[in-house]
C-alpha cells in the first residue's frame, strides 16, 4: 500500500536468503542471510529517494525498529529491504518463509 505510488510494473517473484517472522502486530519481520529462504517480490521504483525516505518512516527505520539493507535475490537482482532491528519483534518464526501463509 505504501509502496504503490512509486511502483513501476508488476514486480518479479523471487526469494532471498533469510528468515521471516510474525511480529503479532499484523506485519512481518525479516532477518537476512543464513540457510532459510524468504519468499517475496522485487519492484522497480520511480522517484527512488522519495520512495526510500517514505519507506524509512513507515518501517520505523528512524526509530531503530528496522534498518534498510541491500539484499541479493535468487532472481539476480540487488534490492533494498528492511531488516528487523529489534529482537522483541521476532515473535514466531515462519519456517516456510512466506508471510502470506502465516495462518
N, C-alpha and C. Protein backbone atom coordinates (compact mmCIF):
# COMPACT_ATOMS: atom_id res chain seq x y z
N UNK A 1 0.81 -1.19 0.00
CA UNK A 1 0.00 0.00 0.00
C UNK A 1 0.86 1.27 0.00
N UNK A 2 1.85 1.30 0.88
CA UNK A 2 2.72 2.47 0.95
C UNK A 2 3.63 2.55 -0.27
N UNK A 3 3.94 1.42 -0.84
CA UNK A 3 4.85 1.35 -1.98
C UNK A 3 4.16 1.69 -3.30
N UNK A 4 2.86 1.47 -3.37
CA UNK A 4 2.11 1.57 -4.63
C UNK A 4 2.35 2.85 -5.43
N UNK A 5 2.41 4.03 -4.83
CA UNK A 5 2.61 5.24 -5.64
C UNK A 5 3.95 5.30 -6.38
N UNK A 6 4.89 4.48 -5.94
CA UNK A 6 6.24 4.52 -6.50
C UNK A 6 6.55 3.35 -7.43
N UNK A 7 5.66 2.37 -7.52
CA UNK A 7 5.92 1.13 -8.24
C UNK A 7 5.74 1.29 -9.74
N UNK A 8 6.70 0.72 -10.49
CA UNK A 8 6.63 0.63 -11.95
C UNK A 8 6.47 -0.85 -12.28
N UNK A 9 5.43 -1.21 -13.01
CA UNK A 9 5.25 -2.60 -13.44
C UNK A 9 4.66 -3.48 -12.36
N UNK A 10 4.73 -4.79 -12.63
CA UNK A 10 4.10 -5.78 -11.77
C UNK A 10 5.03 -6.42 -10.75
N UNK A 11 6.31 -6.17 -10.86
CA UNK A 11 7.26 -6.80 -9.96
C UNK A 11 7.60 -8.21 -10.40
N UNK A 12 8.56 -8.81 -9.71
CA UNK A 12 9.06 -10.14 -10.04
C UNK A 12 9.07 -10.99 -8.77
N UNK A 13 8.46 -12.18 -8.83
CA UNK A 13 8.54 -13.12 -7.71
C UNK A 13 9.98 -13.57 -7.55
N UNK A 14 10.43 -13.65 -6.31
CA UNK A 14 11.80 -14.10 -6.06
C UNK A 14 11.92 -14.56 -4.62
N UNK A 15 13.09 -15.03 -4.25
CA UNK A 15 13.39 -15.38 -2.87
C UNK A 15 14.73 -14.76 -2.51
N UNK A 16 14.97 -14.69 -1.21
CA UNK A 16 16.23 -14.17 -0.70
C UNK A 16 16.60 -14.99 0.53
N UNK A 17 17.88 -15.13 0.79
CA UNK A 17 18.33 -15.86 1.97
C UNK A 17 17.90 -15.12 3.23
N UNK A 18 17.32 -15.85 4.17
CA UNK A 18 16.93 -15.25 5.43
C UNK A 18 15.75 -15.96 6.06
N UNK A 19 15.24 -15.37 7.12
CA UNK A 19 14.11 -15.91 7.87
C UNK A 19 13.09 -14.80 8.09
N UNK A 20 11.81 -15.20 8.01
CA UNK A 20 10.72 -14.25 8.23
C UNK A 20 9.97 -14.66 9.50
N UNK A 21 9.48 -13.65 10.22
CA UNK A 21 8.80 -13.85 11.49
C UNK A 21 7.48 -13.10 11.51
N UNK A 22 6.53 -13.64 12.24
CA UNK A 22 5.28 -12.95 12.53
C UNK A 22 5.55 -12.14 13.80
N UNK A 23 5.29 -10.85 13.75
CA UNK A 23 5.52 -9.99 14.92
C UNK A 23 4.33 -10.00 15.88
N UNK A 24 3.20 -10.54 15.43
CA UNK A 24 1.97 -10.47 16.23
C UNK A 24 1.29 -9.13 16.12
N UNK A 25 1.81 -8.27 15.24
CA UNK A 25 1.30 -6.90 15.10
C UNK A 25 0.76 -6.64 13.69
N UNK A 26 0.42 -7.70 12.96
CA UNK A 26 -0.12 -7.61 11.60
C UNK A 26 0.89 -7.18 10.55
N UNK A 27 2.18 -7.33 10.85
CA UNK A 27 3.21 -7.10 9.84
C UNK A 27 4.40 -8.01 10.16
N UNK A 28 5.19 -8.34 9.13
CA UNK A 28 6.31 -9.28 9.32
C UNK A 28 7.60 -8.60 9.77
N UNK A 29 8.54 -9.44 10.13
CA UNK A 29 9.91 -9.01 10.40
C UNK A 29 10.83 -10.00 9.71
N UNK A 30 11.96 -9.53 9.20
CA UNK A 30 12.90 -10.40 8.48
C UNK A 30 14.30 -10.22 9.03
N UNK A 31 15.06 -11.32 8.97
CA UNK A 31 16.49 -11.31 9.20
C UNK A 31 17.10 -11.97 7.97
N UNK A 32 18.07 -11.31 7.36
CA UNK A 32 18.64 -11.78 6.10
C UNK A 32 19.93 -12.55 6.31
N UNK A 33 20.17 -13.49 5.39
CA UNK A 33 21.36 -14.33 5.45
C UNK A 33 21.00 -15.71 6.01
N UNK A 34 21.95 -16.59 6.04
CA UNK A 34 21.73 -17.91 6.59
C UNK A 34 21.14 -18.89 5.60
N UNK A 35 20.60 -19.99 6.12
CA UNK A 35 20.12 -21.10 5.31
C UNK A 35 18.65 -20.97 4.89
N UNK A 36 17.86 -20.19 5.58
CA UNK A 36 16.44 -20.06 5.26
C UNK A 36 16.21 -19.29 3.97
N UNK A 37 14.96 -19.31 3.49
CA UNK A 37 14.56 -18.57 2.29
C UNK A 37 13.31 -17.77 2.58
N UNK A 38 13.32 -16.50 2.19
CA UNK A 38 12.15 -15.63 2.30
C UNK A 38 11.55 -15.47 0.92
N UNK A 39 10.26 -15.69 0.81
CA UNK A 39 9.55 -15.55 -0.46
C UNK A 39 9.02 -14.12 -0.56
N UNK A 40 9.25 -13.47 -1.70
CA UNK A 40 8.79 -12.10 -1.87
C UNK A 40 8.76 -11.66 -3.32
N UNK A 41 8.72 -10.36 -3.51
CA UNK A 41 8.71 -9.75 -4.84
C UNK A 41 9.67 -8.58 -4.87
N UNK A 42 10.24 -8.34 -6.05
CA UNK A 42 11.10 -7.18 -6.29
C UNK A 42 10.34 -6.25 -7.21
N UNK A 43 10.33 -4.96 -6.88
CA UNK A 43 9.64 -3.95 -7.68
C UNK A 43 10.62 -2.87 -8.11
N UNK A 44 10.47 -2.39 -9.33
CA UNK A 44 11.18 -1.20 -9.78
C UNK A 44 10.41 -0.01 -9.22
N UNK A 45 11.14 1.01 -8.75
CA UNK A 45 10.51 2.19 -8.16
C UNK A 45 10.89 3.46 -8.92
N UNK A 46 9.94 4.39 -9.00
CA UNK A 46 10.23 5.72 -9.51
C UNK A 46 10.56 6.62 -8.32
N UNK A 47 11.19 7.75 -8.59
CA UNK A 47 11.48 8.73 -7.54
C UNK A 47 12.09 8.04 -6.31
N UNK A 48 13.17 7.30 -6.55
CA UNK A 48 13.75 6.42 -5.55
C UNK A 48 14.06 7.11 -4.23
N UNK A 49 14.62 8.30 -4.25
CA UNK A 49 14.99 8.95 -2.98
C UNK A 49 13.75 9.26 -2.14
N UNK A 50 12.67 9.74 -2.76
CA UNK A 50 11.44 9.99 -2.01
C UNK A 50 10.77 8.70 -1.59
N UNK A 51 10.82 7.68 -2.43
CA UNK A 51 10.24 6.38 -2.08
C UNK A 51 10.95 5.81 -0.85
N UNK A 52 12.28 5.83 -0.85
CA UNK A 52 13.02 5.28 0.28
C UNK A 52 12.83 6.12 1.55
N UNK A 53 12.77 7.42 1.42
CA UNK A 53 12.52 8.28 2.59
C UNK A 53 11.16 7.96 3.20
N UNK A 54 10.15 7.78 2.35
CA UNK A 54 8.81 7.43 2.83
C UNK A 54 8.84 6.06 3.52
N UNK A 55 9.45 5.08 2.86
CA UNK A 55 9.51 3.73 3.44
C UNK A 55 10.32 3.69 4.73
N UNK A 56 11.37 4.50 4.84
CA UNK A 56 12.13 4.58 6.09
C UNK A 56 11.22 4.99 7.24
N UNK A 57 10.33 5.95 6.99
CA UNK A 57 9.38 6.39 8.02
C UNK A 57 8.40 5.28 8.36
N UNK A 58 7.81 4.67 7.34
CA UNK A 58 6.83 3.60 7.53
C UNK A 58 7.44 2.43 8.29
N UNK A 59 8.65 2.05 7.94
CA UNK A 59 9.29 0.88 8.52
C UNK A 59 9.93 1.16 9.89
N UNK A 60 9.85 2.38 10.36
CA UNK A 60 10.42 2.70 11.66
C UNK A 60 11.94 2.71 11.66
N UNK A 61 12.54 2.89 10.49
CA UNK A 61 14.00 2.88 10.40
C UNK A 61 14.61 3.98 11.26
N UNK A 62 13.93 5.09 11.37
CA UNK A 62 14.44 6.21 12.15
C UNK A 62 14.47 5.86 13.63
N UNK A 63 13.54 5.03 14.07
CA UNK A 63 13.45 4.65 15.49
C UNK A 63 14.23 3.38 15.81
N UNK A 64 14.89 2.79 14.81
CA UNK A 64 15.69 1.60 15.04
C UNK A 64 14.92 0.29 14.99
N UNK A 65 13.62 0.33 14.66
CA UNK A 65 12.85 -0.90 14.60
C UNK A 65 13.31 -1.77 13.44
N UNK A 66 13.56 -1.13 12.30
CA UNK A 66 14.04 -1.81 11.11
C UNK A 66 15.16 -0.99 10.52
N UNK A 67 16.05 -1.65 9.79
CA UNK A 67 17.13 -0.93 9.11
C UNK A 67 17.09 -1.30 7.63
N UNK A 68 17.33 -0.32 6.79
CA UNK A 68 17.34 -0.56 5.35
C UNK A 68 18.68 -1.19 4.96
N UNK A 69 18.60 -2.29 4.23
CA UNK A 69 19.79 -3.02 3.79
C UNK A 69 19.61 -3.39 2.32
N UNK A 70 20.69 -3.77 1.66
CA UNK A 70 20.57 -4.34 0.31
C UNK A 70 20.68 -5.85 0.44
N UNK A 71 19.91 -6.53 -0.41
CA UNK A 71 19.94 -7.99 -0.46
C UNK A 71 20.10 -8.42 -1.91
N UNK A 72 20.71 -9.58 -2.11
CA UNK A 72 20.84 -10.18 -3.43
C UNK A 72 19.80 -11.28 -3.53
N UNK A 73 18.92 -11.17 -4.52
CA UNK A 73 17.83 -12.12 -4.66
C UNK A 73 18.25 -13.30 -5.54
N UNK A 74 17.48 -14.37 -5.45
CA UNK A 74 17.73 -15.56 -6.27
C UNK A 74 17.48 -15.28 -7.74
N UNK A 75 16.70 -14.23 -8.05
CA UNK A 75 16.43 -13.88 -9.46
C UNK A 75 17.55 -13.02 -10.04
N UNK A 76 18.59 -12.75 -9.23
CA UNK A 76 19.73 -12.00 -9.73
C UNK A 76 19.64 -10.50 -9.55
N UNK A 77 18.68 -10.02 -8.78
CA UNK A 77 18.52 -8.59 -8.51
C UNK A 77 19.17 -8.21 -7.19
N UNK A 78 19.66 -7.01 -7.10
CA UNK A 78 20.03 -6.41 -5.82
C UNK A 78 18.90 -5.47 -5.47
N UNK A 79 18.38 -5.59 -4.24
CA UNK A 79 17.19 -4.83 -3.85
C UNK A 79 17.35 -4.25 -2.46
N UNK A 80 16.62 -3.17 -2.20
CA UNK A 80 16.52 -2.62 -0.85
C UNK A 80 15.52 -3.47 -0.09
N UNK A 81 15.78 -3.71 1.17
CA UNK A 81 14.85 -4.45 2.04
C UNK A 81 15.00 -3.88 3.45
N UNK A 82 14.06 -4.22 4.31
CA UNK A 82 14.11 -3.75 5.69
C UNK A 82 14.27 -4.93 6.63
N UNK A 83 15.37 -4.89 7.38
CA UNK A 83 15.70 -5.96 8.31
C UNK A 83 15.34 -5.53 9.73
N UNK A 84 14.78 -6.46 10.47
CA UNK A 84 14.36 -6.17 11.84
C UNK A 84 15.57 -5.80 12.70
N UNK A 85 15.43 -4.73 13.46
CA UNK A 85 16.49 -4.28 14.35
C UNK A 85 16.13 -4.43 15.81
N UNK A 86 14.99 -5.08 16.10
CA UNK A 86 14.51 -5.22 17.48
C UNK A 86 14.09 -6.68 17.70
N UNK A 87 14.89 -7.43 18.44
CA UNK A 87 14.60 -8.86 18.67
C UNK A 87 13.23 -9.10 19.28
N UNK A 88 12.69 -8.13 19.99
CA UNK A 88 11.37 -8.29 20.61
C UNK A 88 10.27 -8.48 19.57
N UNK A 89 10.52 -8.07 18.33
CA UNK A 89 9.52 -8.21 17.26
C UNK A 89 9.53 -9.62 16.64
N UNK A 90 10.53 -10.42 16.94
CA UNK A 90 10.66 -11.75 16.33
C UNK A 90 9.86 -12.76 17.14
N UNK A 91 8.52 -12.66 17.06
CA UNK A 91 7.63 -13.45 17.91
C UNK A 91 7.53 -14.91 17.47
N UNK A 92 7.24 -15.14 16.18
CA UNK A 92 7.03 -16.52 15.71
C UNK A 92 7.72 -16.72 14.36
N UNK A 93 8.67 -17.62 14.33
CA UNK A 93 9.40 -17.93 13.09
C UNK A 93 8.46 -18.63 12.12
N UNK A 94 8.51 -18.23 10.84
CA UNK A 94 7.72 -18.87 9.79
C UNK A 94 8.69 -19.68 8.93
N UNK A 95 8.87 -20.98 9.22
CA UNK A 95 9.91 -21.76 8.55
C UNK A 95 9.72 -21.89 7.04
N UNK A 96 8.50 -21.72 6.54
CA UNK A 96 8.24 -21.79 5.10
C UNK A 96 8.65 -20.51 4.39
N UNK A 97 8.93 -19.42 5.15
CA UNK A 97 9.43 -18.18 4.58
C UNK A 97 8.42 -17.32 3.85
N UNK A 98 7.13 -17.62 4.01
CA UNK A 98 6.10 -16.93 3.23
C UNK A 98 5.11 -16.22 4.16
N UNK A 99 5.21 -14.90 4.23
CA UNK A 99 4.34 -14.11 5.09
C UNK A 99 2.86 -14.33 4.72
N UNK A 100 2.56 -14.52 3.45
CA UNK A 100 1.17 -14.73 3.02
C UNK A 100 0.58 -16.03 3.59
N UNK A 101 1.41 -16.96 3.99
CA UNK A 101 0.95 -18.24 4.54
C UNK A 101 1.04 -18.29 6.06
N UNK A 102 1.09 -17.15 6.71
CA UNK A 102 1.35 -17.12 8.15
C UNK A 102 0.29 -17.81 8.99
N UNK A 103 -0.96 -17.84 8.53
CA UNK A 103 -2.09 -18.53 9.17
C UNK A 103 -2.02 -18.62 10.60
